[in-house]
Amino acid sequence: MITGGAGFIGSAFVREIDNPLVFDALTYAGRLENLKDVKHLFIKGDIRNFQEIEKAVKENHVDTIVNFAAESHVDRSIVDPFIFLDTNVKGVINLLEVARKYDLKLVHISTDEVYGEQENSTEDFPLKPSSPYSASKASGDMFIHSYIRTYGVNALIIRPSNNYGPRQFPEKLIPKTIIRILKNMEIPVYGDGKQERDWIFVEDTAKIIKKIMQEGKKGEIYNVPGGQRRTNIEIIDEIGKILGKKPLIKYVKDRPGHDKLYSMKNTKLEYKTIPLEEGLKKTVEWYLNNQWWWTPLLGDEFFRSEVPW
């Protein structure tokens, strides 16, 4: 069962699995449109509701849960942290309780942001989250550790770096940049735009998660960096080159607690990822060819240039 399987990374993972069960609350970033071309069984359900999870597990004889369900936008967590607590902490506890009760395997998708600004973080680094979002993800990770130790739950944690690719909600940097360039709009950029992120193409992430699901060991943490660090400005400039247009950049006040960099090392896996330039070209092409997908998502917030989403 893939929780959050109608979201960005979750729907990419669904494409790697043969006819999976998708469990998703269909909040603003989870959309059935993300699954329209892939065979699956869908159940509308919320990981904040224990009874809904339990019912889906019992009725469909689930033996493994891969959890992508999360509130994931840092800006939104600064405005309203409480929903991040409900989904990213209480929701994870619900999944752990179901896994404990029915002896299931839980594969939990976390984030590199739990390490904060530490350079070359390995899986045993201390967690130093900076935002309410990353703090909620770190809290979920800690509860997983506690359930493994206390109850013997069969669980593991995967921490990918920044993902990009098709079907990413327009509030995020890369799709926002593509769409705003296409519409000749200013692209709001926090601070000096030199915040550095490590990028990985979402289809690579999905394949790696599948491998870890099949071969990963109970209690382990797996970092999944892309190995391709770029500043936000470099990303925007590269997208402009692909589209053949000069981006219109508007620098705005930096957000509170903004991490300057995320940097992980992978010590447990071997994998290959496509080069960032190639992945960006594929991503731009997808957004050009699928305007039906993103046009309905451009609400009032998208057209406000003083904030980045």
C-alpha atoms as a PDB file:
ATOM      1  CA  MET A   1       0.000   0.000   0.000  1.00  0.00           C
ATOM      2  CA  ILE A   2       1.409   3.353  -1.072  1.00  0.00           C
ATOM      3  CA  THR A   3       0.246   6.154   1.200  1.00  0.00           C
ATOM      4  CA  GLY A   4       0.445   9.560  -0.472  1.00  0.00           C
ATOM      5  CA  GLY A   5       0.619   7.744  -3.809  1.00  0.00           C
ATOM      6  CA  ALA A   6      -1.275  10.482  -5.661  1.00  0.00           C
ATOM      7  CA  GLY A   7       1.398  13.055  -4.851  1.00  0.00           C
ATOM      8  CA  PHE A   8       4.562  13.996  -6.716  1.00  0.00           C
ATOM      9  CA  ILE A   9       7.133  11.395  -5.616  1.00  0.00           C
ATOM     10  CA  GLY A  10       4.459   8.905  -4.597  1.00  0.00           C
ATOM     11  CA  SER A  11       2.906   8.791  -8.075  1.00  0.00           C
ATOM     12  CA  ALA A  12       6.352   8.249  -9.623  1.00  0.00           C
ATOM     13  CA  PHE A  13       6.807   5.292  -7.287  1.00  0.00           C
ATOM     14  CA  VAL A  14       3.367   3.923  -8.208  1.00  0.00           C
ATOM     15  CA  ARG A  15       4.688   3.637 -11.771  1.00  0.00           C
ATOM     16  CA  GLU A  16       7.399   1.272 -10.539  1.00  0.00           C
ATOM     17  CA  ILE A  17       4.972  -1.160  -8.871  1.00  0.00           C
ATOM     18  CA  ASP A  18       2.648  -3.680 -10.499  1.00  0.00           C
ATOM     19  CA  ASN A  19      -0.969  -2.660  -9.790  1.00  0.00           C
ATOM     20  CA  PRO A  20      -0.448  -1.268  -6.260  1.00  0.00           C
ATOM     21  CA  LEU A  21      -2.983  -0.084  -3.709  1.00  0.00           C
ATOM     22  CA  VAL A  22      -2.861   3.728  -3.482  1.00  0.00           C
ATOM     23  CA  PHE A  23      -4.121   5.369  -0.285  1.00  0.00           C
ATOM     24  CA  ASP A  24      -4.337   9.165  -0.491  1.00  0.00           C
ATOM     25  CA  ALA A  25      -6.368  11.957   1.092  1.00  0.00           C
ATOM     26  CA  LEU A  26      -6.232  14.035  -2.125  1.00  0.00           C
ATOM     27  CA  THR A  27      -5.217  17.251  -0.426  1.00  0.00           C
ATOM     28  CA  TYR A  28      -4.113  20.146  -2.630  1.00  0.00           C
ATOM     29  CA  ALA A  29      -0.922  18.398  -3.860  1.00  0.00           C
ATOM     30  CA  GLY A  30      -2.378  14.897  -4.205  1.00  0.00           C
ATOM     31  CA  ARG A  31      -4.311  14.507  -7.445  1.00  0.00           C
ATOM     32  CA  LEU A  32      -5.936  11.637  -9.311  1.00  0.00           C
ATOM     33  CA  GLU A  33      -4.604  13.274 -12.486  1.00  0.00           C
ATOM     34  CA  ASN A  34      -1.161  12.075 -11.365  1.00  0.00           C
ATOM     35  CA  LEU A  35      -2.351   8.475 -11.705  1.00  0.00           C
ATOM     36  CA  LYS A  36      -4.478   8.630 -14.855  1.00  0.00           C
ATOM     37  CA  ASP A  37      -2.068   6.599 -17.013  1.00  0.00           C
ATOM     38  CA  VAL A  38      -1.104   3.865 -14.539  1.00  0.00           C
ATOM     39  CA  LYS A  39      -2.928   0.753 -13.322  1.00  0.00           C
ATOM     40  CA  HIS A  40      -3.698   0.825  -9.596  1.00  0.00           C
ATOM     41  CA  LEU A  41      -6.409   0.374  -6.966  1.00  0.00           C
ATOM     42  CA  PHE A  42      -7.304   3.651  -5.274  1.00  0.00           C
ATOM     43  CA  ILE A  43      -8.691   4.264  -1.795  1.00  0.00           C
ATOM     44  CA  LYS A  44      -9.352   7.793  -0.590  1.00  0.00           C
ATOM     45  CA  GLY A  45      -8.075   7.865   2.955  1.00  0.00           C
ATOM     46  CA  ASP A  46      -6.093   9.973   5.404  1.00  0.00           C
ATOM     47  CA  ILE A  47      -3.139   8.735   7.469  1.00  0.00           C
ATOM     48  CA  ARG A  48      -4.401  11.001  10.254  1.00  0.00           C
ATOM     49  CA  ASN A  49      -7.319   8.565  10.612  1.00  0.00           C
ATOM     50  CA  PHE A  50      -6.272   5.241  12.180  1.00  0.00           C
ATOM     51  CA  GLN A  51      -9.541   3.508  11.332  1.00  0.00           C
ATOM     52  CA  GLU A  52      -9.235   4.341   7.631  1.00  0.00           C
ATOM     53  CA  ILE A  53      -5.706   2.926   7.477  1.00  0.00           C
ATOM     54  CA  GLU A  54      -6.682  -0.211   9.393  1.00  0.00           C
ATOM     55  CA  LYS A  55      -9.708  -0.844   7.172  1.00  0.00           C
ATOM     56  CA  ALA A  56      -7.618  -0.548   3.998  1.00  0.00           C
ATOM     57  CA  VAL A  57      -4.934  -2.864   5.382  1.00  0.00           C
ATOM     58  CA  LYS A  58      -7.384  -5.544   6.537  1.00  0.00           C
ATOM     59  CA  GLU A  59      -9.590  -5.545   3.454  1.00  0.00           C
ATOM     60  CA  ASN A  60      -6.676  -5.651   1.000  1.00  0.00           C
ATOM     61  CA  HIS A  61      -4.327  -8.026   2.885  1.00  0.00           C
ATOM     62  CA  VAL A  62      -1.518  -5.466   2.902  1.00  0.00           C
ATOM     63  CA  ASP A  63       1.931  -6.674   3.998  1.00  0.00           C
ATOM     64  CA  THR A  64       3.994  -3.536   3.248  1.00  0.00           C
ATOM     65  CA  ILE A  65       3.279   0.182   3.545  1.00  0.00           C
ATOM     66  CA  VAL A  66       5.455   2.707   1.713  1.00  0.00           C
ATOM     67  CA  ASN A  67       4.689   6.117   3.170  1.00  0.00           C
ATOM     68  CA  PHE A  68       4.978   9.224   1.001  1.00  0.00           C
ATOM     69  CA  ALA A  69       2.051  11.009   2.675  1.00  0.00           C
ATOM     70  CA  ALA A  70       3.249  14.308   4.121  1.00  0.00           C
ATOM     71  CA  GLU A  71       2.832  18.025   4.259  1.00  0.00           C
ATOM     72  CA  SER A  72       6.036  19.087   2.530  1.00  0.00           C
ATOM     73  CA  HIS A  73       6.169  22.820   1.787  1.00  0.00           C
ATOM     74  CA  VAL A  74       8.414  24.805   4.130  1.00  0.00           C
ATOM     75  CA  ASP A  75       6.661  28.134   3.483  1.00  0.00           C
ATOM     76  CA  ARG A  76       3.305  26.645   4.443  1.00  0.00           C
ATOM     77  CA  SER A  77       4.805  25.177   7.636  1.00  0.00           C
ATOM     78  CA  ILE A  78       5.973  28.634   8.709  1.00  0.00           C
ATOM     79  CA  VAL A  79       2.472  30.010   8.236  1.00  0.00           C
ATOM     80  CA  ASP A  80       0.648  27.073   9.863  1.00  0.00           C
ATOM     81  CA  PRO A  81       2.754  24.398  11.611  1.00  0.00           C
ATOM     82  CA  PHE A  82      -0.171  22.503  13.148  1.00  0.00           C
ATOM     83  CA  ILE A  83      -1.203  20.531  10.064  1.00  0.00           C
ATOM     84  CA  PHE A  84       2.443  19.433   9.742  1.00  0.00           C
ATOM     85  CA  LEU A  85       2.267  18.060  13.277  1.00  0.00           C
ATOM     86  CA  ASP A  86      -0.977  16.233  12.494  1.00  0.00           C
ATOM     87  CA  THR A  87       0.188  14.631   9.247  1.00  0.00           C
ATOM     88  CA  ASN A  88       3.945  14.217   9.612  1.00  0.00           C
ATOM     89  CA  VAL A  89       3.959  13.109  13.254  1.00  0.00           C
ATOM     90  CA  LYS A  90       0.537  11.851  14.314  1.00  0.00           C
ATOM     91  CA  GLY A  91      -0.032  10.311  10.882  1.00  0.00           C
ATOM     92  CA  VAL A  92       3.264   8.432  11.107  1.00  0.00           C
ATOM     93  CA  ILE A  93       2.326   7.147  14.563  1.00  0.00           C
ATOM     94  CA  ASN A  94      -0.938   5.822  13.107  1.00  0.00           C
ATOM     95  CA  LEU A  95       1.025   3.955  10.439  1.00  0.00           C
ATOM     96  CA  LEU A  96       3.383   2.578  13.068  1.00  0.00           C
ATOM     97  CA  GLU A  97       0.463   1.383  15.183  1.00  0.00           C
ATOM     98  CA  VAL A  98      -1.065  -0.409  12.202  1.00  0.00           C
ATOM     99  CA  ALA A  99       2.321  -1.917  11.334  1.00  0.00           C
ATOM    100  CA  ARG A 100       2.709  -3.102  14.929  1.00  0.00           C
ATOM    101  CA  LYS A 101      -0.802  -4.524  15.152  1.00  0.00           C
ATOM    102  CA  TYR A 102      -0.692  -6.411  11.836  1.00  0.00           C
ATOM    103  CA  ASP A 103       3.049  -7.179  11.663  1.00  0.00           C
ATOM    104  CA  LEU A 104       3.603  -5.112   8.514  1.00  0.00           C
ATOM    105  CA  LYS A 105       6.750  -3.673   6.966  1.00  0.00           C
ATOM    106  CA  LEU A 106       6.854   0.137   6.929  1.00  0.00           C
ATOM    107  CA  VAL A 107       9.093   1.980   4.466  1.00  0.00           C
ATOM    108  CA  HIS A 108       9.035   5.653   5.429  1.00  0.00           C
ATOM    109  CA  ILE A 109      10.110   8.466   3.093  1.00  0.00           C
ATOM    110  CA  SER A 110      11.790  11.267   5.017  1.00  0.00           C
ATOM    111  CA  THR A 111      13.949  14.165   3.751  1.00  0.00           C
ATOM    112  CA  ASP A 112      17.504  15.509   3.753  1.00  0.00           C
ATOM    113  CA  GLU A 113      16.155  18.604   5.502  1.00  0.00           C
ATOM    114  CA  VAL A 114      16.160  16.812   8.875  1.00  0.00           C
ATOM    115  CA  TYR A 115      19.969  17.280   8.952  1.00  0.00           C
ATOM    116  CA  GLY A 116      19.744  21.042   8.575  1.00  0.00           C
ATOM    117  CA  GLU A 117      22.790  22.841   7.168  1.00  0.00           C
ATOM    118  CA  GLN A 118      25.380  20.200   8.067  1.00  0.00           C
ATOM    119  CA  GLU A 119      27.900  19.417   5.324  1.00  0.00           C
ATOM    120  CA  ASN A 120      28.135  15.840   3.955  1.00  0.00           C
ATOM    121  CA  SER A 121      25.627  14.407   6.416  1.00  0.00           C
ATOM    122  CA  THR A 122      25.781  10.630   6.717  1.00  0.00           C
ATOM    123  CA  GLU A 123      22.988   8.480   8.116  1.00  0.00           C
ATOM    124  CA  ASP A 124      24.377   8.654  11.666  1.00  0.00           C
ATOM    125  CA  PHE A 125      24.554  12.468  11.816  1.00  0.00           C
ATOM    126  CA  PRO A 126      22.470  14.226  14.496  1.00  0.00           C
ATOM    127  CA  LEU A 127      19.219  15.785  13.309  1.00  0.00           C
ATOM    128  CA  LYS A 128      19.173  19.597  13.287  1.00  0.00           C
ATOM    129  CA  PRO A 129      15.963  20.674  11.573  1.00  0.00           C
ATOM    130  CA  SER A 130      15.467  24.375  10.926  1.00  0.00           C
ATOM    131  CA  SER A 131      11.803  24.739   9.917  1.00  0.00           C
ATOM    132  CA  PRO A 132       8.520  23.450  11.339  1.00  0.00           C
ATOM    133  CA  TYR A 133       8.342  21.191   8.270  1.00  0.00           C
ATOM    134  CA  SER A 134      11.738  19.568   8.811  1.00  0.00           C
ATOM    135  CA  ALA A 135      11.128  19.400  12.573  1.00  0.00           C
ATOM    136  CA  SER A 136       7.916  17.464  11.941  1.00  0.00           C
ATOM    137  CA  LYS A 137       9.727  15.062   9.598  1.00  0.00           C
ATOM    138  CA  ALA A 138      12.532  14.576  12.140  1.00  0.00           C
ATOM    139  CA  SER A 139       9.911  13.871  14.819  1.00  0.00           C
ATOM    140  CA  GLY A 140       8.314  11.218  12.621  1.00  0.00           C
ATOM    141  CA  ASP A 141      11.735   9.625  12.109  1.00  0.00           C
ATOM    142  CA  MET A 142      12.314   9.539  15.866  1.00  0.00           C
ATOM    143  CA  PHE A 143       8.992   7.821  16.491  1.00  0.00           C
ATOM    144  CA  ILE A 144       9.955   5.195  13.922  1.00  0.00           C
ATOM    145  CA  HIS A 145      13.217   4.558  15.778  1.00  0.00           C
ATOM    146  CA  SER A 146      11.312   4.207  19.030  1.00  0.00           C
ATOM    147  CA  TYR A 147       8.831   1.703  17.569  1.00  0.00           C
ATOM    148  CA  ILE A 148      11.657  -0.375  16.112  1.00  0.00           C
ATOM    149  CA  ARG A 149      13.426  -0.459  19.485  1.00  0.00           C
ATOM    150  CA  THR A 150      10.404  -0.792  21.771  1.00  0.00           C
ATOM    151  CA  TYR A 151       7.991  -2.915  19.742  1.00  0.00           C
ATOM    152  CA  GLY A 152      10.247  -4.548  17.159  1.00  0.00           C
ATOM    153  CA  VAL A 153       8.336  -2.994  14.257  1.00  0.00           C
ATOM    154  CA  ASN A 154       9.854  -3.830  10.868  1.00  0.00           C
ATOM    155  CA  ALA A 155      10.533  -0.324   9.564  1.00  0.00           C
ATOM    156  CA  LEU A 156      13.219   1.620   7.745  1.00  0.00           C
ATOM    157  CA  ILE A 157      13.744   5.250   6.708  1.00  0.00           C
ATOM    158  CA  ILE A 158      14.745   6.708   3.332  1.00  0.00           C
ATOM    159  CA  ARG A 159      15.980  10.304   3.076  1.00  0.00           C
ATOM    160  CA  PRO A 160      16.096  11.617  -0.512  1.00  0.00           C
ATOM    161  CA  SER A 161      17.524  14.982  -1.488  1.00  0.00           C
ATOM    162  CA  ASN A 162      15.536  17.595  -3.456  1.00  0.00           C
ATOM    163  CA  ASN A 163      13.406  15.899  -6.104  1.00  0.00           C
ATOM    164  CA  TYR A 164      12.330  17.413  -9.414  1.00  0.00           C
ATOM    165  CA  GLY A 165      10.473  16.144 -12.451  1.00  0.00           C
ATOM    166  CA  PRO A 166       6.968  15.722 -13.909  1.00  0.00           C
ATOM    167  CA  ARG A 167       3.859  16.322 -11.795  1.00  0.00           C
ATOM    168  CA  GLN A 168       5.468  18.496  -9.131  1.00  0.00           C
ATOM    169  CA  PHE A 169       3.088  21.065  -7.670  1.00  0.00           C
ATOM    170  CA  PRO A 170       3.695  24.628  -9.007  1.00  0.00           C
ATOM    171  CA  GLU A 171       4.581  26.029  -5.570  1.00  0.00           C
ATOM    172  CA  LYS A 172       8.020  24.339  -5.794  1.00  0.00           C
ATOM    173  CA  LEU A 173      11.045  26.057  -7.354  1.00  0.00           C
ATOM    174  CA  ILE A 174      11.451  24.212 -10.660  1.00  0.00           C
ATOM    175  CA  PRO A 175       7.829  24.007 -11.884  1.00  0.00           C
ATOM    176  CA  LYS A 176       7.204  27.531 -10.606  1.00  0.00           C
ATOM    177  CA  THR A 177      10.173  28.770 -12.615  1.00  0.00           C
ATOM    178  CA  ILE A 178       9.132  26.926 -15.788  1.00  0.00           C
ATOM    179  CA  ILE A 179       5.568  28.245 -15.653  1.00  0.00           C
ATOM    180  CA  ARG A 180       6.510  31.817 -14.768  1.00  0.00           C
ATOM    181  CA  ILE A 181       9.057  31.985 -17.604  1.00  0.00           C
ATOM    182  CA  LEU A 182       6.425  30.680 -20.016  1.00  0.00           C
ATOM    183  CA  LYS A 183       4.039  33.388 -18.822  1.00  0.00           C
ATOM    184  CA  ASN A 184       6.699  36.156 -18.873  1.00  0.00           C
ATOM    185  CA  MET A 185       6.220  36.643 -15.130  1.00  0.00           C
ATOM    186  CA  GLU A 186       8.751  37.638 -12.494  1.00  0.00           C
ATOM    187  CA  ILE A 187      10.255  34.791 -10.482  1.00  0.00           C
ATOM    188  CA  PRO A 188      10.462  35.746  -6.784  1.00  0.00           C
ATOM    189  CA  VAL A 189      13.732  34.540  -5.241  1.00  0.00           C
ATOM    190  CA  TYR A 190      14.505  34.481  -1.535  1.00  0.00           C
ATOM    191  CA  GLY A 191      17.507  36.523  -0.378  1.00  0.00           C
ATOM    192  CA  ASP A 192      20.441  36.353  -2.804  1.00  0.00           C
ATOM    193  CA  GLY A 193      19.276  33.102  -4.405  1.00  0.00           C
ATOM    194  CA  LYS A 194      22.517  31.327  -3.504  1.00  0.00           C
ATOM    195  CA  GLN A 195      20.887  28.694  -1.317  1.00  0.00           C
ATOM    196  CA  GLU A 196      22.336  25.366  -2.438  1.00  0.00           C
ATOM    197  CA  ARG A 197      20.365  22.160  -2.911  1.00  0.00           C
ATOM    198  CA  ASP A 198      21.257  18.664  -4.086  1.00  0.00           C
ATOM    199  CA  TRP A 199      18.937  17.580  -6.905  1.00  0.00           C
ATOM    200  CA  ILE A 200      17.710  14.142  -7.985  1.00  0.00           C
ATOM    201  CA  PHE A 201      15.269  13.266 -10.784  1.00  0.00           C
ATOM    202  CA  VAL A 202      12.048  11.843  -9.364  1.00  0.00           C
ATOM    203  CA  GLU A 203      12.065   8.744 -11.586  1.00  0.00           C
ATOM    204  CA  ASP A 204      15.536   7.859 -10.271  1.00  0.00           C
ATOM    205  CA  THR A 205      14.281   8.293  -6.718  1.00  0.00           C
ATOM    206  CA  ALA A 206      11.335   5.969  -7.377  1.00  0.00           C
ATOM    207  CA  LYS A 207      13.603   3.216  -8.709  1.00  0.00           C
ATOM    208  CA  ILE A 208      15.990   3.555  -5.758  1.00  0.00           C
ATOM    209  CA  ILE A 209      13.128   3.411  -3.242  1.00  0.00           C
ATOM    210  CA  LYS A 210      11.853   0.229  -4.897  1.00  0.00           C
ATOM    211  CA  LYS A 211      15.293  -1.347  -4.532  1.00  0.00           C
ATOM    212  CA  ILE A 212      15.494  -0.339  -0.873  1.00  0.00           C
ATOM    213  CA  MET A 213      11.956  -1.618  -0.233  1.00  0.00           C
ATOM    214  CA  GLN A 214      13.006  -5.014  -1.571  1.00  0.00           C
ATOM    215  CA  GLU A 215      16.514  -5.233  -0.133  1.00  0.00           C
ATOM    216  CA  GLY A 216      16.697  -2.762   2.760  1.00  0.00           C
ATOM    217  CA  LYS A 217      17.234  -3.918   6.315  1.00  0.00           C
ATOM    218  CA  LYS A 218      14.998  -3.357   9.317  1.00  0.00           C
ATOM    219  CA  GLY A 219      15.989  -0.348  11.381  1.00  0.00           C
ATOM    220  CA  GLU A 220      18.302   1.147   8.759  1.00  0.00           C
ATOM    221  CA  ILE A 221      18.399   4.700   7.400  1.00  0.00           C
ATOM    222  CA  TYR A 222      19.253   5.226   3.736  1.00  0.00           C
ATOM    223  CA  ASN A 223      20.373   8.608   2.413  1.00  0.00           C
ATOM    224  CA  VAL A 224      19.571   9.106  -1.287  1.00  0.00           C
ATOM    225  CA  PRO A 225      21.458  12.192  -2.491  1.00  0.00           C
ATOM    226  CA  GLY A 226      21.402  13.172  -6.143  1.00  0.00           C
ATOM    227  CA  GLY A 227      25.040  14.239  -6.107  1.00  0.00           C
ATOM    228  CA  GLN A 228      24.244  17.359  -8.145  1.00  0.00           C
ATOM    229  CA  ARG A 229      24.398  20.505  -6.055  1.00  0.00           C
ATOM    230  CA  ARG A 230      23.280  23.816  -7.523  1.00  0.00           C
ATOM    231  CA  THR A 231      22.186  27.172  -6.175  1.00  0.00           C
ATOM    232  CA  ASN A 232      18.620  28.304  -6.755  1.00  0.00           C
ATOM    233  CA  ILE A 233      19.844  30.986  -9.166  1.00  0.00           C
ATOM    234  CA  GLU A 234      21.803  28.396 -11.168  1.00  0.00           C
ATOM    235  CA  ILE A 235      18.661  26.266 -11.474  1.00  0.00           C
ATOM    236  CA  ILE A 236      16.611  29.240 -12.693  1.00  0.00           C
ATOM    237  CA  ASP A 237      19.290  30.228 -15.209  1.00  0.00           C
ATOM    238  CA  GLU A 238      19.511  26.668 -16.577  1.00  0.00           C
ATOM    239  CA  ILE A 239      15.740  26.504 -17.078  1.00  0.00           C
ATOM    240  CA  GLY A 240      15.887  29.862 -18.868  1.00  0.00           C
ATOM    241  CA  LYS A 241      18.544  28.478 -21.239  1.00  0.00           C
ATOM    242  CA  ILE A 242      16.418  25.413 -21.988  1.00  0.00           C
ATOM    243  CA  LEU A 243      13.386  27.597 -22.765  1.00  0.00           C
ATOM    244  CA  GLY A 244      15.453  30.151 -24.671  1.00  0.00           C
ATOM    245  CA  LYS A 245      14.255  33.008 -22.479  1.00  0.00           C
ATOM    246  CA  LYS A 246      15.987  35.223 -19.925  1.00  0.00           C
ATOM    247  CA  PRO A 247      14.272  34.753 -16.537  1.00  0.00           C
ATOM    248  CA  LEU A 248      12.803  37.868 -14.913  1.00  0.00           C
ATOM    249  CA  ILE A 249      14.074  37.601 -11.348  1.00  0.00           C
ATOM    250  CA  LYS A 250      12.682  39.564  -8.410  1.00  0.00           C
ATOM    251  CA  TYR A 251      14.672  39.240  -5.184  1.00  0.00           C
ATOM    252  CA  VAL A 252      12.478  39.199  -2.087  1.00  0.00           C
ATOM    253  CA  LYS A 253      13.106  39.168   1.646  1.00  0.00           C
ATOM    254  CA  ASP A 254      14.558  35.864   2.775  1.00  0.00           C
ATOM    255  CA  ARG A 255      12.288  33.548   4.733  1.00  0.00           C
ATOM    256  CA  PRO A 256      12.931  32.954   8.459  1.00  0.00           C
ATOM    257  CA  GLY A 257      15.405  30.186   9.280  1.00  0.00           C
ATOM    258  CA  HIS A 258      16.257  29.545   5.626  1.00  0.00           C
ATOM    259  CA  ASP A 259      18.947  26.845   5.303  1.00  0.00           C
ATOM    260  CA  LYS A 260      21.801  27.853   3.014  1.00  0.00           C
ATOM    261  CA  LEU A 261      22.547  24.304   1.934  1.00  0.00           C
ATOM    262  CA  TYR A 262      21.532  20.666   2.201  1.00  0.00           C
ATOM    263  CA  SER A 263      24.325  18.157   1.798  1.00  0.00           C
ATOM    264  CA  MET A 264      24.126  14.389   2.304  1.00  0.00           C
ATOM    265  CA  LYS A 265      26.457  11.470   1.666  1.00  0.00           C
ATOM    266  CA  ASN A 266      25.273   7.982   0.787  1.00  0.00           C
ATOM    267  CA  THR A 267      27.198   5.249   2.600  1.00  0.00           C
ATOM    268  CA  LYS A 268      24.985   2.200   2.006  1.00  0.00           C
ATOM    269  CA  LEU A 269      23.856   2.176  -1.640  1.00  0.00           C
ATOM    270  CA  GLU A 270      25.144   2.126  -5.182  1.00  0.00           C
ATOM    271  CA  TYR A 271      23.019   3.719  -7.898  1.00  0.00           C
ATOM    272  CA  LYS A 272      23.189   5.971 -10.921  1.00  0.00           C
ATOM    273  CA  THR A 273      21.154   9.095 -11.628  1.00  0.00           C
ATOM    274  CA  ILE A 274      20.656  11.046 -14.825  1.00  0.00           C
ATOM    275  CA  PRO A 275      22.589  14.329 -15.157  1.00  0.00           C
ATOM    276  CA  LEU A 276      20.735  17.379 -13.899  1.00  0.00           C
ATOM    277  CA  GLU A 277      20.787  19.107 -17.296  1.00  0.00           C
ATOM    278  CA  GLU A 278      19.177  16.075 -18.942  1.00  0.00           C
ATOM    279  CA  GLY A 279      16.578  15.767 -16.182  1.00  0.00           C
ATOM    280  CA  LEU A 280      15.709  19.452 -16.405  1.00  0.00           C
ATOM    281  CA  LYS A 281      15.186  19.150 -20.170  1.00  0.00           C
ATOM    282  CA  LYS A 282      12.820  16.206 -19.605  1.00  0.00           C
ATOM    283  CA  THR A 283      10.998  18.164 -16.917  1.00  0.00           C
ATOM    284  CA  VAL A 284      10.607  21.304 -19.037  1.00  0.00           C
ATOM    285  CA  GLU A 285       9.349  19.198 -21.942  1.00  0.00           C
ATOM    286  CA  TRP A 286       6.755  17.544 -19.700  1.00  0.00           C
ATOM    287  CA  TYR A 287       5.402  20.888 -18.460  1.00  0.00           C
ATOM    288  CA  LEU A 288       5.295  22.231 -22.018  1.00  0.00           C
ATOM    289  CA  ASN A 289       3.341  19.193 -23.212  1.00  0.00           C
ATOM    290  CA  ASN A 290       0.990  18.936 -20.231  1.00  0.00           C
ATOM    291  CA  GLN A 291      -0.408  22.396 -19.643  1.00  0.00           C
ATOM    292  CA  TRP A 292      -3.801  20.748 -18.995  1.00  0.00           C
ATOM    293  CA  TRP A 293      -2.262  19.358 -15.795  1.00  0.00           C
ATOM    294  CA  TRP A 294      -0.953  22.580 -14.260  1.00  0.00           C
ATOM    295  CA  THR A 295      -3.203  25.348 -15.603  1.00  0.00           C
ATOM    296  CA  PRO A 296      -6.061  24.600 -13.132  1.00  0.00           C
ATOM    297  CA  LEU A 297      -3.584  24.810 -10.229  1.00  0.00           C
ATOM    298  CA  LEU A 298      -2.621  28.444 -10.721  1.00  0.00           C
ATOM    299  CA  GLY A 299      -4.617  30.104  -7.964  1.00  0.00           C
ATOM    300  CA  ASP A 300      -4.237  33.635  -6.651  1.00  0.00           C
ATOM    301  CA  GLU A 301      -1.115  32.763  -4.655  1.00  0.00           C
ATOM    302  CA  PHE A 302       0.786  31.845  -7.798  1.00  0.00           C
ATOM    303  CA  PHE A 303       0.276  35.284  -9.301  1.00  0.00           C
ATOM    304  CA  ARG A 304       1.540  37.189  -6.276  1.00  0.00           C
ATOM    305  CA  SER A 305       5.122  38.205  -6.996  1.00  0.00           C
ATOM    306  CA  GLU A 306       6.042  39.184  -3.447  1.00  0.00           C
ATOM    307  CA  VAL A 307       6.071  35.572  -2.229  1.00  0.00           C
ATOM    308  CA  PRO A 308       7.808  32.594  -3.843  1.00  0.00           C
ATOM    309  CA  TRP A 309       4.679  30.440  -4.282  1.00  0.00           C
END
